[in-house]
Amino acid sequence: MPFSSSVLVNVKTLSVYIVSCLFQDKPQPPPEGRLPDATKGSDHLRQVFGKQMGLSDQDIVALSGGHTLGRCHKERSGFEGAWTTNPLVFDNSYFKELLSGDKEGLLQLPSDKALLSDPVFRPLVEKYAADEKAFFDDYKEAHLKLSELGYADA
C-alpha cells in the first residue's frame, strides 16, 4: 500500500528536524588535538586512537590507509604533498608505497613510518598491501567506529 502524502510530509518534516538537531552550526570549530601529532610514533597513535577513542591496532592501521586519498597542505599541517602517486583513487596503494620506502615527491610522515617500525602494526601494513579487499573490509569497520564516536561537547 503506498504512503499517503500526509505521511510523506511528516516523514520529511521529522527527517529535517532530526538532521537539524544533529548537525547544528556552532560558532567555533571543534578543538584541535583530536587527531594524532604526525611527528610522533606508534605509542602516540595508540594513546590517541586507542586509549582516547577506543580503537584497536587494526583500526589504527586501517584508518591510516585513508591517506591513500588526498594530500597534506603546508598551511594546515606544516607538511606538503600526497602519500600516493594517484591521490584521487581509494585503494591500497598507501600501504604499497609505505613498504617501498621513501620516493621522490611522495609524503611519508613520521606517524606513517611508525607503522613500519612497530611489530604489531607492520604485519597489518603488509597484509593490506597484499590484500586490497582485506583493507577495504577493515577500513569500512574502522571508519564506522570512528564516525560513531561523536564529540563529547556536542
N, C-alpha and C. Protein backbone atom coordinates (compact mmCIF):
# COMPACT_ATOMS: atom_id res chain seq x y z
N MET A 1 0.84 -1.18 0.00
CA MET A 1 0.00 0.00 0.00
C MET A 1 0.89 1.24 0.00
N PRO A 2 0.69 2.16 -0.94
CA PRO A 2 1.52 3.36 -1.00
C PRO A 2 1.25 4.28 0.18
N PHE A 3 2.27 5.08 0.53
CA PHE A 3 2.12 6.05 1.61
C PHE A 3 1.26 7.21 1.15
N SER A 4 0.47 7.75 2.05
CA SER A 4 -0.31 8.95 1.71
C SER A 4 0.63 10.15 1.75
N SER A 5 0.20 11.21 1.11
CA SER A 5 1.05 12.41 1.06
C SER A 5 1.26 13.00 2.45
N SER A 6 0.29 12.87 3.34
CA SER A 6 0.47 13.42 4.69
C SER A 6 1.54 12.65 5.47
N VAL A 7 1.62 11.34 5.25
CA VAL A 7 2.67 10.54 5.90
C VAL A 7 4.03 10.95 5.36
N LEU A 8 4.12 11.12 4.04
CA LEU A 8 5.40 11.52 3.44
C LEU A 8 5.84 12.89 3.93
N VAL A 9 4.91 13.82 4.05
CA VAL A 9 5.25 15.15 4.56
C VAL A 9 5.74 15.05 6.00
N ASN A 10 5.08 14.26 6.82
CA ASN A 10 5.50 14.09 8.21
C ASN A 10 6.87 13.46 8.31
N VAL A 11 7.15 12.47 7.46
CA VAL A 11 8.47 11.84 7.45
C VAL A 11 9.53 12.85 7.05
N LYS A 12 9.24 13.64 6.02
CA LYS A 12 10.21 14.66 5.59
C LYS A 12 10.43 15.69 6.69
N THR A 13 9.37 16.12 7.35
CA THR A 13 9.49 17.09 8.43
C THR A 13 10.31 16.52 9.58
N LEU A 14 10.03 15.29 9.96
CA LEU A 14 10.78 14.63 11.02
C LEU A 14 12.24 14.49 10.64
N SER A 15 12.51 14.11 9.38
CA SER A 15 13.89 13.96 8.92
C SER A 15 14.64 15.28 9.01
N VAL A 16 14.00 16.35 8.56
CA VAL A 16 14.64 17.67 8.63
C VAL A 16 14.90 18.05 10.07
N TYR A 17 13.94 17.79 10.96
CA TYR A 17 14.11 18.10 12.38
C TYR A 17 15.27 17.32 12.98
N ILE A 18 15.34 16.02 12.70
CA ILE A 18 16.41 15.18 13.25
C ILE A 18 17.76 15.67 12.74
N VAL A 19 17.86 15.91 11.44
CA VAL A 19 19.12 16.37 10.86
C VAL A 19 19.51 17.72 11.46
N SER A 20 18.55 18.63 11.62
CA SER A 20 18.90 19.94 12.17
C SER A 20 19.35 19.84 13.62
N CYS A 21 18.83 18.88 14.36
CA CYS A 21 19.27 18.69 15.75
C CYS A 21 20.67 18.08 15.81
N LEU A 22 20.95 17.18 14.89
CA LEU A 22 22.24 16.50 14.91
C LEU A 22 23.36 17.38 14.38
N PHE A 23 23.08 18.22 13.41
CA PHE A 23 24.11 18.97 12.72
C PHE A 23 23.88 20.47 12.83
N GLN A 24 23.90 20.97 14.03
CA GLN A 24 23.71 22.40 14.23
C GLN A 24 25.04 23.11 14.05
N ASP A 25 24.97 24.29 13.43
CA ASP A 25 26.16 25.11 13.31
C ASP A 25 26.60 25.56 14.69
N LYS A 26 27.91 25.61 14.86
CA LYS A 26 28.46 26.09 16.12
C LYS A 26 29.34 27.29 15.80
N PRO A 27 29.47 28.23 16.74
CA PRO A 27 30.27 29.42 16.47
C PRO A 27 31.76 29.12 16.33
N GLN A 28 32.23 28.05 16.93
CA GLN A 28 33.65 27.70 16.88
C GLN A 28 33.81 26.28 16.36
N PRO A 29 34.92 26.00 15.67
CA PRO A 29 35.17 24.62 15.25
C PRO A 29 35.52 23.76 16.46
N PRO A 30 35.48 22.43 16.31
CA PRO A 30 35.89 21.58 17.43
C PRO A 30 37.34 21.88 17.80
N PRO A 31 37.73 21.65 19.03
CA PRO A 31 39.10 21.94 19.44
C PRO A 31 40.11 21.09 18.67
N GLU A 32 41.28 21.70 18.43
CA GLU A 32 42.36 20.97 17.78
C GLU A 32 42.88 19.89 18.73
N GLY A 33 43.62 18.96 18.20
CA GLY A 33 44.26 17.97 19.04
C GLY A 33 43.50 16.67 19.17
N ARG A 34 42.44 16.50 18.43
CA ARG A 34 41.72 15.24 18.48
C ARG A 34 42.38 14.18 17.61
N LEU A 35 43.18 14.60 16.67
CA LEU A 35 43.92 13.67 15.83
C LEU A 35 45.36 13.60 16.32
N PRO A 36 46.04 12.51 16.01
CA PRO A 36 47.42 12.38 16.49
C PRO A 36 48.37 13.40 15.86
N ASP A 37 49.43 13.69 16.57
CA ASP A 37 50.50 14.53 16.08
C ASP A 37 51.29 13.72 15.06
N ALA A 38 51.38 14.23 13.84
CA ALA A 38 52.02 13.49 12.75
C ALA A 38 53.52 13.31 12.95
N THR A 39 54.10 14.03 13.90
CA THR A 39 55.54 13.92 14.12
C THR A 39 55.89 12.85 15.15
N LYS A 40 54.88 12.20 15.70
CA LYS A 40 55.12 11.22 16.78
C LYS A 40 54.92 9.80 16.30
N GLY A 41 55.28 8.84 17.15
CA GLY A 41 55.31 7.43 16.78
C GLY A 41 54.12 6.61 17.21
N SER A 42 54.34 5.31 17.26
CA SER A 42 53.26 4.35 17.49
C SER A 42 52.64 4.48 18.89
N ASP A 43 53.44 4.80 19.90
CA ASP A 43 52.86 4.97 21.24
C ASP A 43 51.84 6.09 21.26
N HIS A 44 52.15 7.17 20.55
CA HIS A 44 51.23 8.30 20.47
C HIS A 44 49.97 7.92 19.68
N LEU A 45 50.13 7.17 18.60
CA LEU A 45 48.97 6.72 17.83
C LEU A 45 48.03 5.90 18.71
N ARG A 46 48.62 5.02 19.50
CA ARG A 46 47.80 4.19 20.41
C ARG A 46 47.15 5.03 21.51
N GLN A 47 47.86 6.04 21.99
CA GLN A 47 47.29 6.91 23.02
C GLN A 47 46.04 7.62 22.48
N VAL A 48 46.17 8.21 21.30
CA VAL A 48 45.06 8.99 20.75
C VAL A 48 43.94 8.09 20.24
N PHE A 49 44.28 7.17 19.35
CA PHE A 49 43.24 6.33 18.74
C PHE A 49 42.78 5.20 19.67
N GLY A 50 43.71 4.65 20.42
CA GLY A 50 43.37 3.52 21.28
C GLY A 50 42.75 3.94 22.60
N LYS A 51 43.54 4.61 23.42
CA LYS A 51 43.07 4.96 24.77
C LYS A 51 41.98 6.02 24.75
N GLN A 52 42.13 7.04 23.92
CA GLN A 52 41.16 8.14 23.92
C GLN A 52 39.90 7.82 23.10
N MET A 53 40.06 7.03 22.03
CA MET A 53 38.92 6.76 21.15
C MET A 53 38.44 5.32 21.20
N GLY A 54 39.20 4.45 21.83
CA GLY A 54 38.78 3.06 21.95
C GLY A 54 38.94 2.22 20.70
N LEU A 55 39.84 2.63 19.81
CA LEU A 55 40.06 1.88 18.57
C LEU A 55 41.20 0.89 18.75
N SER A 56 41.15 -0.19 17.99
CA SER A 56 42.17 -1.24 18.07
C SER A 56 43.37 -0.91 17.19
N ASP A 57 44.44 -1.70 17.35
CA ASP A 57 45.60 -1.54 16.47
C ASP A 57 45.20 -1.74 15.01
N GLN A 58 44.36 -2.73 14.76
CA GLN A 58 43.89 -2.97 13.39
C GLN A 58 43.14 -1.74 12.86
N ASP A 59 42.31 -1.14 13.69
CA ASP A 59 41.58 0.07 13.29
C ASP A 59 42.56 1.20 12.95
N ILE A 60 43.58 1.36 13.77
CA ILE A 60 44.56 2.43 13.57
C ILE A 60 45.24 2.29 12.22
N VAL A 61 45.69 1.09 11.90
CA VAL A 61 46.39 0.87 10.62
C VAL A 61 45.41 1.02 9.46
N ALA A 62 44.23 0.45 9.58
CA ALA A 62 43.24 0.56 8.50
C ALA A 62 42.89 2.03 8.24
N LEU A 63 42.65 2.80 9.30
CA LEU A 63 42.32 4.21 9.12
C LEU A 63 43.49 5.00 8.53
N SER A 64 44.71 4.61 8.85
CA SER A 64 45.87 5.26 8.24
C SER A 64 45.84 5.11 6.73
N GLY A 65 45.27 4.01 6.27
CA GLY A 65 45.13 3.79 4.83
C GLY A 65 44.27 4.82 4.13
N GLY A 66 43.51 5.59 4.90
CA GLY A 66 42.76 6.70 4.32
C GLY A 66 43.67 7.74 3.69
N HIS A 67 44.95 7.71 4.04
CA HIS A 67 45.91 8.63 3.43
C HIS A 67 46.10 8.34 1.95
N THR A 68 45.54 7.25 1.47
CA THR A 68 45.60 6.98 0.04
C THR A 68 44.89 8.07 -0.76
N LEU A 69 43.96 8.76 -0.12
CA LEU A 69 43.24 9.87 -0.75
C LEU A 69 43.80 11.20 -0.27
N GLY A 70 43.89 12.13 -1.17
CA GLY A 70 44.22 13.50 -0.79
C GLY A 70 45.68 13.75 -0.54
N ARG A 71 45.92 14.86 0.12
CA ARG A 71 47.28 15.32 0.36
C ARG A 71 47.32 16.23 1.58
N CYS A 72 48.52 16.51 2.06
CA CYS A 72 48.72 17.48 3.13
C CYS A 72 48.96 18.86 2.51
N HIS A 73 48.52 19.87 3.21
CA HIS A 73 48.74 21.24 2.79
C HIS A 73 49.53 21.95 3.89
N LYS A 74 50.63 22.56 3.49
CA LYS A 74 51.56 23.15 4.45
C LYS A 74 50.89 24.14 5.40
N GLU A 75 49.97 24.93 4.89
CA GLU A 75 49.33 25.94 5.73
C GLU A 75 48.42 25.33 6.80
N ARG A 76 48.00 24.09 6.62
CA ARG A 76 47.12 23.43 7.60
C ARG A 76 47.90 22.55 8.58
N SER A 77 48.95 21.88 8.08
CA SER A 77 49.61 20.87 8.91
C SER A 77 51.11 21.07 9.07
N GLY A 78 51.68 21.92 8.23
CA GLY A 78 53.13 22.05 8.23
C GLY A 78 53.80 21.08 7.27
N PHE A 79 53.03 20.17 6.72
CA PHE A 79 53.54 19.19 5.75
C PHE A 79 52.91 19.45 4.39
N GLU A 80 53.62 19.05 3.34
CA GLU A 80 53.13 19.27 1.98
C GLU A 80 53.31 18.01 1.15
N GLY A 81 52.27 17.63 0.43
CA GLY A 81 52.39 16.55 -0.54
C GLY A 81 51.34 15.47 -0.38
N ALA A 82 51.34 14.57 -1.36
CA ALA A 82 50.43 13.42 -1.38
C ALA A 82 51.19 12.18 -0.92
N TRP A 83 50.46 11.22 -0.39
CA TRP A 83 51.06 9.97 0.07
C TRP A 83 51.20 8.96 -1.07
N THR A 84 50.40 9.13 -2.11
CA THR A 84 50.40 8.15 -3.20
C THR A 84 50.52 8.86 -4.54
N THR A 85 50.86 8.09 -5.57
CA THR A 85 51.01 8.67 -6.90
C THR A 85 49.67 9.08 -7.51
N ASN A 86 48.58 8.49 -7.05
CA ASN A 86 47.25 8.87 -7.53
C ASN A 86 46.33 9.13 -6.33
N PRO A 87 46.39 10.33 -5.78
CA PRO A 87 45.64 10.62 -4.55
C PRO A 87 44.14 10.82 -4.75
N LEU A 88 43.64 10.54 -5.95
CA LEU A 88 42.21 10.64 -6.22
C LEU A 88 41.53 9.28 -6.25
N VAL A 89 42.30 8.22 -6.01
CA VAL A 89 41.76 6.86 -6.06
C VAL A 89 41.90 6.22 -4.68
N PHE A 90 40.80 5.67 -4.20
CA PHE A 90 40.83 4.96 -2.92
C PHE A 90 41.18 3.50 -3.19
N ASP A 91 42.38 3.12 -2.79
CA ASP A 91 42.87 1.76 -2.98
C ASP A 91 43.90 1.46 -1.89
N ASN A 92 44.65 0.40 -2.04
CA ASN A 92 45.64 0.04 -1.03
C ASN A 92 47.05 0.55 -1.36
N SER A 93 47.14 1.51 -2.26
CA SER A 93 48.47 1.99 -2.68
C SER A 93 49.24 2.68 -1.55
N TYR A 94 48.55 3.25 -0.58
CA TYR A 94 49.24 3.86 0.57
C TYR A 94 50.17 2.84 1.22
N PHE A 95 49.67 1.63 1.43
CA PHE A 95 50.46 0.59 2.09
C PHE A 95 51.59 0.11 1.19
N LYS A 96 51.32 -0.01 -0.10
CA LYS A 96 52.37 -0.41 -1.04
C LYS A 96 53.48 0.63 -1.09
N GLU A 97 53.09 1.90 -1.17
CA GLU A 97 54.07 2.99 -1.21
C GLU A 97 54.87 3.04 0.10
N LEU A 98 54.21 2.84 1.21
CA LEU A 98 54.87 2.86 2.51
C LEU A 98 55.94 1.77 2.59
N LEU A 99 55.60 0.58 2.13
CA LEU A 99 56.55 -0.54 2.16
C LEU A 99 57.70 -0.36 1.17
N SER A 100 57.47 0.39 0.10
CA SER A 100 58.53 0.55 -0.90
C SER A 100 59.58 1.58 -0.49
N GLY A 101 59.35 2.28 0.61
CA GLY A 101 60.35 3.23 1.09
C GLY A 101 60.11 4.63 0.56
N ASP A 102 61.02 5.54 0.94
CA ASP A 102 60.90 6.93 0.51
C ASP A 102 60.99 7.03 -1.00
N LYS A 103 60.09 7.83 -1.57
CA LYS A 103 60.10 8.09 -3.00
C LYS A 103 60.03 9.59 -3.21
N GLU A 104 60.74 10.04 -4.21
CA GLU A 104 60.74 11.46 -4.55
C GLU A 104 59.31 11.94 -4.80
N GLY A 105 58.92 13.00 -4.10
CA GLY A 105 57.62 13.60 -4.32
C GLY A 105 56.47 13.02 -3.52
N LEU A 106 56.68 11.91 -2.82
CA LEU A 106 55.61 11.33 -2.01
C LEU A 106 55.89 11.57 -0.53
N LEU A 107 54.84 11.84 0.18
CA LEU A 107 54.93 12.16 1.60
C LEU A 107 54.90 10.90 2.45
N GLN A 108 55.80 10.82 3.41
CA GLN A 108 55.75 9.80 4.46
C GLN A 108 56.06 10.51 5.77
N LEU A 109 55.01 10.69 6.55
CA LEU A 109 55.14 11.36 7.84
C LEU A 109 55.78 10.43 8.87
N PRO A 110 56.34 10.97 9.93
CA PRO A 110 56.85 10.11 11.00
C PRO A 110 55.78 9.14 11.52
N SER A 111 54.53 9.60 11.60
CA SER A 111 53.45 8.70 12.06
C SER A 111 53.18 7.59 11.05
N ASP A 112 53.41 7.83 9.77
CA ASP A 112 53.28 6.78 8.76
C ASP A 112 54.42 5.76 8.92
N LYS A 113 55.63 6.27 9.06
CA LYS A 113 56.79 5.38 9.19
C LYS A 113 56.73 4.56 10.48
N ALA A 114 56.05 5.09 11.49
CA ALA A 114 55.89 4.34 12.74
C ALA A 114 55.12 3.05 12.52
N LEU A 115 54.27 3.02 11.51
CA LEU A 115 53.53 1.79 11.20
C LEU A 115 54.47 0.67 10.77
N LEU A 116 55.60 1.04 10.19
CA LEU A 116 56.57 0.04 9.74
C LEU A 116 57.48 -0.45 10.86
N SER A 117 57.77 0.41 11.81
CA SER A 117 58.72 0.04 12.87
C SER A 117 58.05 -0.67 14.04
N ASP A 118 56.74 -0.62 14.11
CA ASP A 118 56.02 -1.26 15.21
C ASP A 118 55.75 -2.73 14.87
N PRO A 119 56.07 -3.66 15.79
CA PRO A 119 55.93 -5.09 15.49
C PRO A 119 54.48 -5.57 15.35
N VAL A 120 53.52 -4.81 15.83
CA VAL A 120 52.10 -5.18 15.65
C VAL A 120 51.53 -4.50 14.40
N PHE A 121 51.89 -3.26 14.18
CA PHE A 121 51.37 -2.51 13.03
C PHE A 121 51.91 -3.04 11.70
N ARG A 122 53.21 -3.36 11.65
CA ARG A 122 53.82 -3.72 10.36
C ARG A 122 53.14 -4.91 9.68
N PRO A 123 52.84 -6.01 10.37
CA PRO A 123 52.15 -7.11 9.67
C PRO A 123 50.80 -6.70 9.08
N LEU A 124 50.14 -5.75 9.71
CA LEU A 124 48.88 -5.25 9.15
C LEU A 124 49.13 -4.42 7.89
N VAL A 125 50.18 -3.61 7.89
CA VAL A 125 50.57 -2.86 6.69
C VAL A 125 50.84 -3.85 5.56
N GLU A 126 51.60 -4.89 5.85
CA GLU A 126 51.93 -5.89 4.83
C GLU A 126 50.68 -6.61 4.33
N LYS A 127 49.78 -6.93 5.25
CA LYS A 127 48.52 -7.59 4.88
C LYS A 127 47.72 -6.71 3.92
N TYR A 128 47.57 -5.43 4.25
CA TYR A 128 46.77 -4.54 3.42
C TYR A 128 47.44 -4.23 2.08
N ALA A 129 48.76 -4.21 2.06
CA ALA A 129 49.47 -4.01 0.79
C ALA A 129 49.22 -5.18 -0.16
N ALA A 130 49.11 -6.37 0.40
CA ALA A 130 48.93 -7.58 -0.41
C ALA A 130 47.46 -7.90 -0.70
N ASP A 131 46.55 -7.39 0.11
CA ASP A 131 45.14 -7.79 0.01
C ASP A 131 44.23 -6.57 0.13
N GLU A 132 43.90 -6.00 -1.02
CA GLU A 132 43.09 -4.79 -1.03
C GLU A 132 41.70 -5.01 -0.43
N LYS A 133 41.11 -6.17 -0.66
CA LYS A 133 39.79 -6.46 -0.11
C LYS A 133 39.84 -6.47 1.42
N ALA A 134 40.88 -7.05 1.99
CA ALA A 134 41.02 -7.05 3.46
C ALA A 134 41.11 -5.61 3.97
N PHE A 135 41.87 -4.77 3.26
CA PHE A 135 41.95 -3.36 3.64
C PHE A 135 40.58 -2.70 3.57
N PHE A 136 39.87 -2.89 2.46
CA PHE A 136 38.54 -2.28 2.31
C PHE A 136 37.61 -2.73 3.44
N ASP A 137 37.60 -4.02 3.73
CA ASP A 137 36.71 -4.55 4.77
C ASP A 137 37.05 -3.96 6.14
N ASP A 138 38.35 -3.95 6.48
CA ASP A 138 38.77 -3.44 7.79
C ASP A 138 38.61 -1.92 7.88
N TYR A 139 38.88 -1.23 6.78
CA TYR A 139 38.70 0.22 6.76
C TYR A 139 37.24 0.58 7.00
N LYS A 140 36.36 -0.13 6.33
CA LYS A 140 34.92 0.13 6.47
C LYS A 140 34.50 0.02 7.94
N GLU A 141 34.94 -1.03 8.61
CA GLU A 141 34.58 -1.23 10.02
C GLU A 141 35.20 -0.17 10.92
N ALA A 142 36.47 0.16 10.67
CA ALA A 142 37.16 1.16 11.49
C ALA A 142 36.55 2.55 11.28
N HIS A 143 36.24 2.87 10.04
CA HIS A 143 35.65 4.18 9.75
C HIS A 143 34.27 4.31 10.40
N LEU A 144 33.52 3.24 10.39
CA LEU A 144 32.22 3.24 11.05
C LEU A 144 32.38 3.51 12.55
N LYS A 145 33.33 2.82 13.19
CA LYS A 145 33.58 3.05 14.62
C LYS A 145 33.96 4.51 14.87
N LEU A 146 34.85 5.02 14.03
CA LEU A 146 35.31 6.40 14.19
C LEU A 146 34.16 7.38 14.01
N SER A 147 33.32 7.15 13.02
CA SER A 147 32.22 8.09 12.77
C SER A 147 31.16 8.05 13.87
N GLU A 148 31.10 6.96 14.61
CA GLU A 148 30.11 6.85 15.68
C GLU A 148 30.61 7.40 17.01
N LEU A 149 31.85 7.84 17.07
CA LEU A 149 32.39 8.37 18.32
C LEU A 149 31.70 9.66 18.74
N GLY A 150 31.46 10.53 17.80
CA GLY A 150 30.84 11.81 18.13
C GLY A 150 31.79 12.71 18.89
N TYR A 151 31.29 13.82 19.33
CA TYR A 151 32.07 14.77 20.11
C TYR A 151 31.50 14.83 21.51
N ALA A 152 32.37 14.88 22.47
CA ALA A 152 31.93 14.96 23.87
C ALA A 152 31.19 16.26 24.15
N ASP A 153 31.52 17.31 23.40
CA ASP A 153 30.91 18.61 23.66
C ASP A 153 29.72 18.91 22.75
N ALA A 154 29.28 17.93 21.99
CA ALA A 154 28.16 18.17 21.05
C ALA A 154 26.83 18.07 21.76
